[in-house]
Amino acid sequence: MSNQLDLVLQILAVTGPVFIMVIVGLLLRRTNIIDEPFINTASNLTFRLTMPLLLFIGIIKTDLNTALKPDLIVFFSVATLASFALAWLWALKRIPLQDRGVYVQGAFRGNCGIVGLALAVNQYGDYGLAIGSILSGLAIILFNILSTIVLSVYSPLISVSVKSIAKGILRNPLIISVFLALLASYVQLYIPEWMMTSAEYIASMTLPIALICIGGSLSIESLLKSGKTALSASLLKLILLPLLFTGIGWMLGFSGRELGILFLFLASPTAAISYVMAKAAGGDARLAANIIALSTVLSILTVTAGLYTLEHLGWV
């Protein structure tokens, strides 16, 4: 019994701080200590400055042989593509035509860059930051391409354009920071200690601010109005797909820290950006908001339970 309790406390030490920051953000918004303009400004600061620095530092401070895991990168890519395909196949049979694009995006697009990365850092420290930075950059590319495709299929407002997708990816600060970090690490670029320290000060703001913004963006009204469609997408995102591909990953030989990071990224709740993309595509923005809110709240339980199960089985 004591060992089980120790394991539970160990898992809560990983997931607790992350989700507490989300709850703090929700409470700050409900008490009007922060408002929508603050959330918009802070989110923009995170996206354009602090998060790129965090990813850059996470990679450049780690040996490339540690940060680059080709087998993990390939499997994560395949799992993301397969998750997208399975969510779409499920939507074809179960979801009304007008909701399919929003549903599929909500069911496969995880908040890897913030929640997934924060959990990986809490669990595995600098190793989690290094691997997580690479996977975050990869996820951003895949998520943007796949989301644009599925939303455009069911949207009267947008159409797939290879040029526009490529332009969006090449201009993304997070993608740019990952590629620059890989290049700097490869050429062993010297960065003065005072400059690195200053960058670390700025980067250290990223996860607390980003998690508070996620909490502040949550809508209690959306959560209470979440219907069967939002619940279906959330369960697919948080339970079925992570369970399937984490299990496949284990059968293929992944274990320890790599399997743990893989699970945390696959089990992350739906990314907040999915609301923006759904709205821009003329989709049901309310459904997108419902999926984000419901998956974020449920992930407190599902991620904790999943990590506990993996630890209990001795897989991670």
C-alpha atoms as a PDB file:
ATOM      1  CA  MET A   1       0.000   0.000   0.000  1.00  0.00           C
ATOM      2  CA  SER A   2       2.843   2.333   0.866  1.00  0.00           C
ATOM      3  CA  ASN A   3       4.495   1.702  -2.498  1.00  0.00           C
ATOM      4  CA  GLN A   4       1.244   2.486  -4.325  1.00  0.00           C
ATOM      5  CA  LEU A   5       0.849   5.726  -2.398  1.00  0.00           C
ATOM      6  CA  ASP A   6       4.431   6.707  -3.144  1.00  0.00           C
ATOM      7  CA  LEU A   7       3.787   6.075  -6.846  1.00  0.00           C
ATOM      8  CA  VAL A   8       0.637   8.192  -6.792  1.00  0.00           C
ATOM      9  CA  LEU A   9       2.496  11.046  -5.115  1.00  0.00           C
ATOM     10  CA  GLN A  10       5.318  10.710  -7.645  1.00  0.00           C
ATOM     11  CA  ILE A  11       2.858  11.005 -10.543  1.00  0.00           C
ATOM     12  CA  LEU A  12       1.090  13.965  -8.924  1.00  0.00           C
ATOM     13  CA  ALA A  13       4.461  15.688  -8.602  1.00  0.00           C
ATOM     14  CA  VAL A  14       4.640  15.554 -12.421  1.00  0.00           C
ATOM     15  CA  THR A  15       1.068  16.364 -13.427  1.00  0.00           C
ATOM     16  CA  GLY A  16      -0.011  18.456 -10.433  1.00  0.00           C
ATOM     17  CA  PRO A  17       2.072  21.610 -11.047  1.00  0.00           C
ATOM     18  CA  VAL A  18       1.055  21.738 -14.707  1.00  0.00           C
ATOM     19  CA  PHE A  19      -2.676  21.452 -14.144  1.00  0.00           C
ATOM     20  CA  ILE A  20      -2.626  23.650 -11.039  1.00  0.00           C
ATOM     21  CA  MET A  21      -1.271  26.462 -13.226  1.00  0.00           C
ATOM     22  CA  VAL A  22      -4.198  25.908 -15.603  1.00  0.00           C
ATOM     23  CA  ILE A  23      -6.638  26.095 -12.677  1.00  0.00           C
ATOM     24  CA  VAL A  24      -4.899  29.251 -11.421  1.00  0.00           C
ATOM     25  CA  GLY A  25      -5.420  30.803 -14.854  1.00  0.00           C
ATOM     26  CA  LEU A  26      -9.105  29.882 -14.751  1.00  0.00           C
ATOM     27  CA  LEU A  27      -9.520  31.421 -11.279  1.00  0.00           C
ATOM     28  CA  LEU A  28      -7.630  34.579 -12.245  1.00  0.00           C
ATOM     29  CA  ARG A  29      -9.927  35.022 -15.241  1.00  0.00           C
ATOM     30  CA  ARG A  30     -13.082  34.366 -13.228  1.00  0.00           C
ATOM     31  CA  THR A  31     -12.029  36.953 -10.628  1.00  0.00           C
ATOM     32  CA  ASN A  32     -11.098  39.472 -13.364  1.00  0.00           C
ATOM     33  CA  ILE A  33      -7.476  39.700 -12.253  1.00  0.00           C
ATOM     34  CA  ILE A  34      -6.598  38.882 -15.854  1.00  0.00           C
ATOM     35  CA  ASP A  35      -8.793  39.583 -18.860  1.00  0.00           C
ATOM     36  CA  GLU A  36      -8.974  38.720 -22.549  1.00  0.00           C
ATOM     37  CA  PRO A  37      -6.575  41.511 -23.686  1.00  0.00           C
ATOM     38  CA  PHE A  38      -3.975  40.221 -21.202  1.00  0.00           C
ATOM     39  CA  ILE A  39      -4.432  36.648 -22.428  1.00  0.00           C
ATOM     40  CA  ASN A  40      -4.082  37.743 -26.057  1.00  0.00           C
ATOM     41  CA  THR A  41      -0.953  39.787 -25.344  1.00  0.00           C
ATOM     42  CA  ALA A  42       0.637  37.102 -23.157  1.00  0.00           C
ATOM     43  CA  SER A  43      -0.153  34.391 -25.702  1.00  0.00           C
ATOM     44  CA  ASN A  44       1.421  36.481 -28.456  1.00  0.00           C
ATOM     45  CA  LEU A  45       4.519  37.071 -26.302  1.00  0.00           C
ATOM     46  CA  THR A  46       4.786  33.350 -25.626  1.00  0.00           C
ATOM     47  CA  PHE A  47       4.374  32.394 -29.271  1.00  0.00           C
ATOM     48  CA  ARG A  48       6.780  34.963 -30.695  1.00  0.00           C
ATOM     49  CA  LEU A  49       9.485  35.204 -28.031  1.00  0.00           C
ATOM     50  CA  THR A  50       9.533  33.065 -24.911  1.00  0.00           C
ATOM     51  CA  MET A  51       8.526  29.699 -26.420  1.00  0.00           C
ATOM     52  CA  PRO A  52      10.979  29.957 -29.341  1.00  0.00           C
ATOM     53  CA  LEU A  53      13.742  30.725 -26.826  1.00  0.00           C
ATOM     54  CA  LEU A  54      12.707  27.780 -24.643  1.00  0.00           C
ATOM     55  CA  LEU A  55      12.832  25.371 -27.587  1.00  0.00           C
ATOM     56  CA  PHE A  56      16.144  26.842 -28.790  1.00  0.00           C
ATOM     57  CA  ILE A  57      17.780  26.502 -25.373  1.00  0.00           C
ATOM     58  CA  GLY A  58      16.371  23.015 -24.843  1.00  0.00           C
ATOM     59  CA  ILE A  59      18.042  21.779 -28.018  1.00  0.00           C
ATOM     60  CA  ILE A  60      21.288  23.734 -27.973  1.00  0.00           C
ATOM     61  CA  LYS A  61      22.122  22.707 -24.395  1.00  0.00           C
ATOM     62  CA  THR A  62      21.822  19.036 -25.286  1.00  0.00           C
ATOM     63  CA  ASP A  63      24.035  16.892 -27.465  1.00  0.00           C
ATOM     64  CA  LEU A  64      22.370  16.161 -30.813  1.00  0.00           C
ATOM     65  CA  ASN A  65      22.865  12.439 -30.254  1.00  0.00           C
ATOM     66  CA  THR A  66      20.570  12.837 -27.244  1.00  0.00           C
ATOM     67  CA  ALA A  67      18.024  15.234 -28.744  1.00  0.00           C
ATOM     68  CA  LEU A  68      17.645  13.472 -32.092  1.00  0.00           C
ATOM     69  CA  LYS A  69      15.949  10.105 -31.767  1.00  0.00           C
ATOM     70  CA  PRO A  70      15.137   9.034 -35.353  1.00  0.00           C
ATOM     71  CA  ASP A  71      13.058   6.022 -34.328  1.00  0.00           C
ATOM     72  CA  LEU A  72      10.988   8.085 -31.881  1.00  0.00           C
ATOM     73  CA  ILE A  73      10.558  10.902 -34.417  1.00  0.00           C
ATOM     74  CA  VAL A  74       9.405   8.489 -37.126  1.00  0.00           C
ATOM     75  CA  PHE A  75       7.009   6.662 -34.808  1.00  0.00           C
ATOM     76  CA  PHE A  76       5.516   9.907 -33.471  1.00  0.00           C
ATOM     77  CA  SER A  77       4.995  11.097 -37.049  1.00  0.00           C
ATOM     78  CA  VAL A  78       3.316   7.835 -38.047  1.00  0.00           C
ATOM     79  CA  ALA A  79       1.168   7.863 -34.885  1.00  0.00           C
ATOM     80  CA  THR A  80       0.055  11.432 -35.635  1.00  0.00           C
ATOM     81  CA  LEU A  81      -0.861  10.596 -39.229  1.00  0.00           C
ATOM     82  CA  ALA A  82      -2.649   7.425 -38.148  1.00  0.00           C
ATOM     83  CA  SER A  83      -4.528   9.303 -35.395  1.00  0.00           C
ATOM     84  CA  PHE A  84      -5.666  11.828 -37.974  1.00  0.00           C
ATOM     85  CA  ALA A  85      -6.835   9.076 -40.333  1.00  0.00           C
ATOM     86  CA  LEU A  86      -8.657   7.132 -37.615  1.00  0.00           C
ATOM     87  CA  ALA A  87     -10.392  10.255 -36.310  1.00  0.00           C
ATOM     88  CA  TRP A  88     -11.542  11.096 -39.836  1.00  0.00           C
ATOM     89  CA  LEU A  89     -12.789   7.554 -40.487  1.00  0.00           C
ATOM     90  CA  TRP A  90     -14.736   7.628 -37.239  1.00  0.00           C
ATOM     91  CA  ALA A  91     -16.195  11.040 -38.137  1.00  0.00           C
ATOM     92  CA  LEU A  92     -17.376   9.773 -41.534  1.00  0.00           C
ATOM     93  CA  LYS A  93     -19.658   7.264 -39.836  1.00  0.00           C
ATOM     94  CA  ARG A  94     -20.676   9.042 -36.634  1.00  0.00           C
ATOM     95  CA  ILE A  95     -20.447  12.836 -37.042  1.00  0.00           C
ATOM     96  CA  PRO A  96     -22.746  15.145 -39.046  1.00  0.00           C
ATOM     97  CA  LEU A  97     -21.176  16.497 -42.228  1.00  0.00           C
ATOM     98  CA  GLN A  98     -20.980  20.115 -41.060  1.00  0.00           C
ATOM     99  CA  ASP A  99     -19.091  19.176 -37.861  1.00  0.00           C
ATOM    100  CA  ARG A 100     -16.583  16.689 -39.266  1.00  0.00           C
ATOM    101  CA  GLY A 101     -13.679  19.059 -39.889  1.00  0.00           C
ATOM    102  CA  VAL A 102     -13.857  20.594 -36.409  1.00  0.00           C
ATOM    103  CA  TYR A 103     -14.346  17.179 -34.822  1.00  0.00           C
ATOM    104  CA  VAL A 104     -11.343  15.580 -36.540  1.00  0.00           C
ATOM    105  CA  GLN A 105      -9.060  18.484 -35.650  1.00  0.00           C
ATOM    106  CA  GLY A 106     -10.188  18.380 -32.023  1.00  0.00           C
ATOM    107  CA  ALA A 107      -9.710  14.614 -31.833  1.00  0.00           C
ATOM    108  CA  PHE A 108      -6.120  14.486 -33.094  1.00  0.00           C
ATOM    109  CA  ARG A 109      -4.487  17.895 -32.537  1.00  0.00           C
ATOM    110  CA  GLY A 110      -2.819  17.939 -29.125  1.00  0.00           C
ATOM    111  CA  ASN A 111      -1.387  20.793 -27.100  1.00  0.00           C
ATOM    112  CA  CYS A 112       2.110  19.325 -27.387  1.00  0.00           C
ATOM    113  CA  GLY A 113       4.038  22.602 -27.364  1.00  0.00           C
ATOM    114  CA  ILE A 114       2.722  23.691 -23.977  1.00  0.00           C
ATOM    115  CA  VAL A 115       1.018  20.962 -21.952  1.00  0.00           C
ATOM    116  CA  GLY A 116       2.956  18.047 -23.457  1.00  0.00           C
ATOM    117  CA  LEU A 117       6.268  19.875 -23.162  1.00  0.00           C
ATOM    118  CA  ALA A 118       5.539  21.044 -19.608  1.00  0.00           C
ATOM    119  CA  LEU A 119       4.734  17.491 -18.505  1.00  0.00           C
ATOM    120  CA  ALA A 120       7.851  16.123 -20.229  1.00  0.00           C
ATOM    121  CA  VAL A 121      10.039  18.728 -18.501  1.00  0.00           C
ATOM    122  CA  ASN A 122       8.466  17.995 -15.110  1.00  0.00           C
ATOM    123  CA  GLN A 123       8.991  14.271 -15.554  1.00  0.00           C
ATOM    124  CA  TYR A 124      12.375  14.121 -17.278  1.00  0.00           C
ATOM    125  CA  GLY A 125      14.038  17.520 -16.802  1.00  0.00           C
ATOM    126  CA  ASP A 126      16.530  18.637 -19.449  1.00  0.00           C
ATOM    127  CA  TYR A 127      16.161  15.356 -21.339  1.00  0.00           C
ATOM    128  CA  GLY A 128      12.415  15.913 -21.590  1.00  0.00           C
ATOM    129  CA  LEU A 129      13.008  19.484 -22.758  1.00  0.00           C
ATOM    130  CA  ALA A 130      15.460  18.406 -25.462  1.00  0.00           C
ATOM    131  CA  ILE A 131      13.355  15.575 -26.879  1.00  0.00           C
ATOM    132  CA  GLY A 132      10.159  17.536 -26.344  1.00  0.00           C
ATOM    133  CA  SER A 133      11.494  20.521 -28.280  1.00  0.00           C
ATOM    134  CA  ILE A 134      12.164  18.366 -31.335  1.00  0.00           C
ATOM    135  CA  LEU A 135       8.773  16.666 -31.138  1.00  0.00           C
ATOM    136  CA  SER A 136       7.033  20.022 -30.612  1.00  0.00           C
ATOM    137  CA  GLY A 137       8.537  21.409 -33.800  1.00  0.00           C
ATOM    138  CA  LEU A 138       7.527  18.285 -35.695  1.00  0.00           C
ATOM    139  CA  ALA A 139       4.016  18.352 -34.231  1.00  0.00           C
ATOM    140  CA  ILE A 140       3.479  21.964 -35.277  1.00  0.00           C
ATOM    141  CA  ILE A 141       4.301  21.135 -38.886  1.00  0.00           C
ATOM    142  CA  LEU A 142       2.102  18.019 -39.004  1.00  0.00           C
ATOM    143  CA  PHE A 143      -0.811  19.578 -37.111  1.00  0.00           C
ATOM    144  CA  ASN A 144      -0.909  22.683 -39.301  1.00  0.00           C
ATOM    145  CA  ILE A 145      -0.848  20.712 -42.540  1.00  0.00           C
ATOM    146  CA  LEU A 146      -3.392  18.081 -41.497  1.00  0.00           C
ATOM    147  CA  SER A 147      -5.763  20.554 -39.831  1.00  0.00           C
ATOM    148  CA  THR A 148      -5.772  22.777 -42.907  1.00  0.00           C
ATOM    149  CA  ILE A 149      -6.573  19.795 -45.112  1.00  0.00           C
ATOM    150  CA  VAL A 150      -9.498  18.459 -43.091  1.00  0.00           C
ATOM    151  CA  LEU A 151     -11.000  21.878 -42.367  1.00  0.00           C
ATOM    152  CA  SER A 152     -10.790  22.902 -46.009  1.00  0.00           C
ATOM    153  CA  VAL A 153     -12.629  19.763 -47.135  1.00  0.00           C
ATOM    154  CA  TYR A 154     -15.695  20.774 -45.103  1.00  0.00           C
ATOM    155  CA  SER A 155     -15.346  24.553 -45.337  1.00  0.00           C
ATOM    156  CA  PRO A 156     -16.823  26.914 -47.929  1.00  0.00           C
ATOM    157  CA  LEU A 157     -14.339  29.611 -46.935  1.00  0.00           C
ATOM    158  CA  ILE A 158     -10.886  28.065 -47.391  1.00  0.00           C
ATOM    159  CA  SER A 159      -9.165  25.699 -49.789  1.00  0.00           C
ATOM    160  CA  VAL A 160      -5.945  23.730 -49.556  1.00  0.00           C
ATOM    161  CA  SER A 161      -2.952  25.613 -50.890  1.00  0.00           C
ATOM    162  CA  VAL A 162       0.489  24.072 -50.686  1.00  0.00           C
ATOM    163  CA  LYS A 163       1.995  27.537 -50.979  1.00  0.00           C
ATOM    164  CA  SER A 164      -0.004  29.002 -48.089  1.00  0.00           C
ATOM    165  CA  ILE A 165       0.714  25.979 -45.870  1.00  0.00           C
ATOM    166  CA  ALA A 166       4.431  26.136 -46.623  1.00  0.00           C
ATOM    167  CA  LYS A 167       4.499  29.887 -46.022  1.00  0.00           C
ATOM    168  CA  GLY A 168       2.776  29.488 -42.666  1.00  0.00           C
ATOM    169  CA  ILE A 169       5.219  26.813 -41.565  1.00  0.00           C
ATOM    170  CA  LEU A 170       8.315  28.710 -42.704  1.00  0.00           C
ATOM    171  CA  ARG A 171       7.145  31.839 -40.871  1.00  0.00           C
ATOM    172  CA  ASN A 172       6.281  30.035 -37.637  1.00  0.00           C
ATOM    173  CA  PRO A 173       8.635  31.290 -34.863  1.00  0.00           C
ATOM    174  CA  LEU A 174       8.638  27.891 -33.155  1.00  0.00           C
ATOM    175  CA  ILE A 175       9.671  26.053 -36.306  1.00  0.00           C
ATOM    176  CA  ILE A 176      12.344  28.652 -37.019  1.00  0.00           C
ATOM    177  CA  SER A 177      13.750  28.342 -33.490  1.00  0.00           C
ATOM    178  CA  VAL A 178      13.983  24.527 -33.732  1.00  0.00           C
ATOM    179  CA  PHE A 179      15.829  24.628 -37.055  1.00  0.00           C
ATOM    180  CA  LEU A 180      18.172  27.387 -35.849  1.00  0.00           C
ATOM    181  CA  ALA A 181      18.903  25.433 -32.673  1.00  0.00           C
ATOM    182  CA  LEU A 182      19.690  22.271 -34.648  1.00  0.00           C
ATOM    183  CA  LEU A 183      21.998  24.265 -36.925  1.00  0.00           C
ATOM    184  CA  ALA A 184      23.697  26.033 -34.000  1.00  0.00           C
ATOM    185  CA  SER A 185      24.171  22.734 -32.182  1.00  0.00           C
ATOM    186  CA  TYR A 186      25.571  21.060 -35.294  1.00  0.00           C
ATOM    187  CA  VAL A 187      28.203  23.793 -35.893  1.00  0.00           C
ATOM    188  CA  GLN A 188      28.820  24.055 -32.133  1.00  0.00           C
ATOM    189  CA  LEU A 189      28.058  27.770 -32.092  1.00  0.00           C
ATOM    190  CA  TYR A 190      29.562  29.542 -29.100  1.00  0.00           C
ATOM    191  CA  ILE A 191      27.064  31.628 -27.126  1.00  0.00           C
ATOM    192  CA  PRO A 192      28.441  33.854 -24.333  1.00  0.00           C
ATOM    193  CA  GLU A 193      27.320  32.833 -20.874  1.00  0.00           C
ATOM    194  CA  TRP A 194      25.735  36.214 -20.136  1.00  0.00           C
ATOM    195  CA  MET A 195      23.635  35.947 -23.284  1.00  0.00           C
ATOM    196  CA  MET A 196      22.554  32.392 -22.497  1.00  0.00           C
ATOM    197  CA  THR A 197      21.623  33.408 -18.937  1.00  0.00           C
ATOM    198  CA  SER A 198      19.511  36.288 -20.221  1.00  0.00           C
ATOM    199  CA  ALA A 199      17.773  33.979 -22.696  1.00  0.00           C
ATOM    200  CA  GLU A 200      17.074  31.478 -19.921  1.00  0.00           C
ATOM    201  CA  TYR A 201      15.467  34.225 -17.808  1.00  0.00           C
ATOM    202  CA  ILE A 202      13.080  34.999 -20.651  1.00  0.00           C
ATOM    203  CA  ALA A 203      12.468  31.344 -21.550  1.00  0.00           C
ATOM    204  CA  SER A 204      11.638  30.465 -17.933  1.00  0.00           C
ATOM    205  CA  MET A 205       8.464  32.553 -18.198  1.00  0.00           C
ATOM    206  CA  THR A 206       7.086  30.414 -20.998  1.00  0.00           C
ATOM    207  CA  LEU A 207       5.342  27.501 -19.327  1.00  0.00           C
ATOM    208  CA  PRO A 208       3.794  29.391 -16.360  1.00  0.00           C
ATOM    209  CA  ILE A 209       2.429  32.146 -18.614  1.00  0.00           C
ATOM    210  CA  ALA A 210       1.249  29.734 -21.306  1.00  0.00           C
ATOM    211  CA  LEU A 211      -0.505  27.455 -18.813  1.00  0.00           C
ATOM    212  CA  ILE A 212      -2.196  30.414 -17.104  1.00  0.00           C
ATOM    213  CA  CYS A 213      -3.389  31.620 -20.514  1.00  0.00           C
ATOM    214  CA  ILE A 214      -4.844  28.180 -21.238  1.00  0.00           C
ATOM    215  CA  GLY A 215      -6.742  28.301 -17.944  1.00  0.00           C
ATOM    216  CA  GLY A 216      -7.850  31.866 -18.566  1.00  0.00           C
ATOM    217  CA  SER A 217      -9.160  30.885 -21.997  1.00  0.00           C
ATOM    218  CA  LEU A 218     -11.291  28.044 -20.652  1.00  0.00           C
ATOM    219  CA  SER A 219     -15.005  28.694 -20.714  1.00  0.00           C
ATOM    220  CA  ILE A 220     -17.112  27.220 -17.944  1.00  0.00           C
ATOM    221  CA  GLU A 221     -20.159  27.845 -20.116  1.00  0.00           C
ATOM    222  CA  SER A 222     -18.601  25.844 -22.967  1.00  0.00           C
ATOM    223  CA  LEU A 223     -17.699  23.078 -20.552  1.00  0.00           C
ATOM    224  CA  LEU A 224     -21.256  22.846 -19.196  1.00  0.00           C
ATOM    225  CA  LYS A 225     -22.716  22.864 -22.711  1.00  0.00           C
ATOM    226  CA  SER A 226     -20.366  20.190 -24.053  1.00  0.00           C
ATOM    227  CA  GLY A 227     -22.478  17.681 -25.929  1.00  0.00           C
ATOM    228  CA  LYS A 228     -21.933  14.163 -27.157  1.00  0.00           C
ATOM    229  CA  THR A 229     -19.835  15.296 -30.109  1.00  0.00           C
ATOM    230  CA  ALA A 230     -17.378  17.197 -27.913  1.00  0.00           C
ATOM    231  CA  LEU A 231     -17.245  14.299 -25.453  1.00  0.00           C
ATOM    232  CA  SER A 232     -16.594  11.830 -28.271  1.00  0.00           C
ATOM    233  CA  ALA A 233     -13.710  13.907 -29.652  1.00  0.00           C
ATOM    234  CA  SER A 234     -12.247  14.354 -26.157  1.00  0.00           C
ATOM    235  CA  LEU A 235     -12.361  10.653 -25.325  1.00  0.00           C
ATOM    236  CA  LEU A 236     -10.769   9.817 -28.665  1.00  0.00           C
ATOM    237  CA  LYS A 237      -8.029  12.380 -28.048  1.00  0.00           C
ATOM    238  CA  LEU A 238      -7.328  11.556 -24.405  1.00  0.00           C
ATOM    239  CA  ILE A 239      -7.929   7.817 -24.087  1.00  0.00           C
ATOM    240  CA  LEU A 240      -8.384   5.734 -27.230  1.00  0.00           C
ATOM    241  CA  LEU A 241      -5.595   7.123 -29.430  1.00  0.00           C
ATOM    242  CA  PRO A 242      -2.940   7.448 -26.668  1.00  0.00           C
ATOM    243  CA  LEU A 243      -3.786   3.964 -25.410  1.00  0.00           C
ATOM    244  CA  LEU A 244      -3.523   2.486 -28.886  1.00  0.00           C
ATOM    245  CA  PHE A 245      -0.276   4.104 -29.987  1.00  0.00           C
ATOM    246  CA  THR A 246       1.484   3.970 -26.628  1.00  0.00           C
ATOM    247  CA  GLY A 247       0.725   0.240 -26.591  1.00  0.00           C
ATOM    248  CA  ILE A 248       2.019  -0.165 -30.138  1.00  0.00           C
ATOM    249  CA  GLY A 249       5.112   1.847 -29.208  1.00  0.00           C
ATOM    250  CA  TRP A 250       5.798  -0.480 -26.292  1.00  0.00           C
ATOM    251  CA  MET A 251       5.376  -3.560 -28.503  1.00  0.00           C
ATOM    252  CA  LEU A 252       7.879  -2.049 -30.958  1.00  0.00           C
ATOM    253  CA  GLY A 253      10.467  -1.712 -28.206  1.00  0.00           C
ATOM    254  CA  PHE A 254      10.021   1.803 -26.821  1.00  0.00           C
ATOM    255  CA  SER A 255      10.337   2.012 -23.063  1.00  0.00           C
ATOM    256  CA  GLY A 256      11.553   4.223 -20.241  1.00  0.00           C
ATOM    257  CA  ARG A 257      11.874   7.946 -20.902  1.00  0.00           C
ATOM    258  CA  GLU A 258      11.125   7.693 -24.606  1.00  0.00           C
ATOM    259  CA  LEU A 259       7.826   5.864 -24.082  1.00  0.00           C
ATOM    260  CA  GLY A 260       6.928   8.261 -21.278  1.00  0.00           C
ATOM    261  CA  ILE A 261       7.476  11.334 -23.462  1.00  0.00           C
ATOM    262  CA  LEU A 262       5.608   9.682 -26.318  1.00  0.00           C
ATOM    263  CA  PHE A 263       2.603   9.069 -24.058  1.00  0.00           C
ATOM    264  CA  LEU A 264       2.614  12.608 -22.647  1.00  0.00           C
ATOM    265  CA  PHE A 265       2.604  14.114 -26.128  1.00  0.00           C
ATOM    266  CA  LEU A 266      -0.071  11.750 -27.460  1.00  0.00           C
ATOM    267  CA  ALA A 267      -2.280  12.263 -24.398  1.00  0.00           C
ATOM    268  CA  SER A 268      -2.134  16.074 -24.344  1.00  0.00           C
ATOM    269  CA  PRO A 269      -5.526  17.823 -24.513  1.00  0.00           C
ATOM    270  CA  THR A 270      -6.743  19.551 -27.658  1.00  0.00           C
ATOM    271  CA  ALA A 271      -4.696  22.613 -28.639  1.00  0.00           C
ATOM    272  CA  ALA A 272      -6.314  26.017 -28.150  1.00  0.00           C
ATOM    273  CA  ILE A 273      -5.278  27.089 -31.651  1.00  0.00           C
ATOM    274  CA  SER A 274      -7.871  24.661 -33.030  1.00  0.00           C
ATOM    275  CA  TYR A 275     -10.570  27.199 -32.073  1.00  0.00           C
ATOM    276  CA  VAL A 276      -8.898  29.919 -34.136  1.00  0.00           C
ATOM    277  CA  MET A 277      -8.516  27.651 -37.154  1.00  0.00           C
ATOM    278  CA  ALA A 278     -12.079  26.342 -36.907  1.00  0.00           C
ATOM    279  CA  LYS A 279     -13.449  29.887 -36.751  1.00  0.00           C
ATOM    280  CA  ALA A 280     -11.335  31.018 -39.708  1.00  0.00           C
ATOM    281  CA  ALA A 281     -12.602  28.061 -41.739  1.00  0.00           C
ATOM    282  CA  GLY A 282     -16.225  28.902 -41.015  1.00  0.00           C
ATOM    283  CA  GLY A 283     -16.664  25.806 -38.887  1.00  0.00           C
ATOM    284  CA  ASP A 284     -18.546  25.448 -35.609  1.00  0.00           C
ATOM    285  CA  ALA A 285     -16.306  27.518 -33.320  1.00  0.00           C
ATOM    286  CA  ARG A 286     -18.514  26.695 -30.339  1.00  0.00           C
ATOM    287  CA  LEU A 287     -17.910  22.971 -30.851  1.00  0.00           C
ATOM    288  CA  ALA A 288     -14.161  23.635 -31.086  1.00  0.00           C
ATOM    289  CA  ALA A 289     -14.284  25.599 -27.807  1.00  0.00           C
ATOM    290  CA  ASN A 290     -16.275  22.815 -26.147  1.00  0.00           C
ATOM    291  CA  ILE A 291     -13.694  20.198 -27.178  1.00  0.00           C
ATOM    292  CA  ILE A 292     -10.812  22.336 -25.912  1.00  0.00           C
ATOM    293  CA  ALA A 293     -12.487  22.993 -22.552  1.00  0.00           C
ATOM    294  CA  LEU A 294     -13.663  19.431 -21.984  1.00  0.00           C
ATOM    295  CA  SER A 295     -10.421  17.755 -23.072  1.00  0.00           C
ATOM    296  CA  THR A 296      -8.342  20.103 -20.913  1.00  0.00           C
ATOM    297  CA  VAL A 297     -10.370  19.375 -17.780  1.00  0.00           C
ATOM    298  CA  LEU A 298     -10.571  15.623 -18.415  1.00  0.00           C
ATOM    299  CA  SER A 299      -6.838  15.434 -19.153  1.00  0.00           C
ATOM    300  CA  ILE A 300      -6.142  16.153 -15.490  1.00  0.00           C
ATOM    301  CA  LEU A 301      -7.519  12.686 -14.771  1.00  0.00           C
ATOM    302  CA  THR A 302      -6.526  10.813 -17.938  1.00  0.00           C
ATOM    303  CA  VAL A 303      -2.874  11.919 -18.056  1.00  0.00           C
ATOM    304  CA  THR A 304      -2.405  11.231 -14.346  1.00  0.00           C
ATOM    305  CA  ALA A 305      -4.074   7.808 -14.631  1.00  0.00           C
ATOM    306  CA  GLY A 306      -2.143   6.944 -17.786  1.00  0.00           C
ATOM    307  CA  LEU A 307       1.214   7.890 -16.326  1.00  0.00           C
ATOM    308  CA  TYR A 308       0.404   5.967 -13.151  1.00  0.00           C
ATOM    309  CA  THR A 309      -0.481   2.874 -15.188  1.00  0.00           C
ATOM    310  CA  LEU A 310       2.739   3.049 -17.224  1.00  0.00           C
ATOM    311  CA  GLU A 311       4.807   3.436 -14.046  1.00  0.00           C
ATOM    312  CA  HIS A 312       2.928   0.610 -12.346  1.00  0.00           C
ATOM    313  CA  LEU A 313       3.536  -1.708 -15.316  1.00  0.00           C
ATOM    314  CA  GLY A 314       7.209  -0.763 -15.323  1.00  0.00           C
ATOM    315  CA  TRP A 315       7.058   0.485 -18.922  1.00  0.00           C
ATOM    316  CA  VAL A 316       8.502   3.908 -18.077  1.00  0.00           C
END
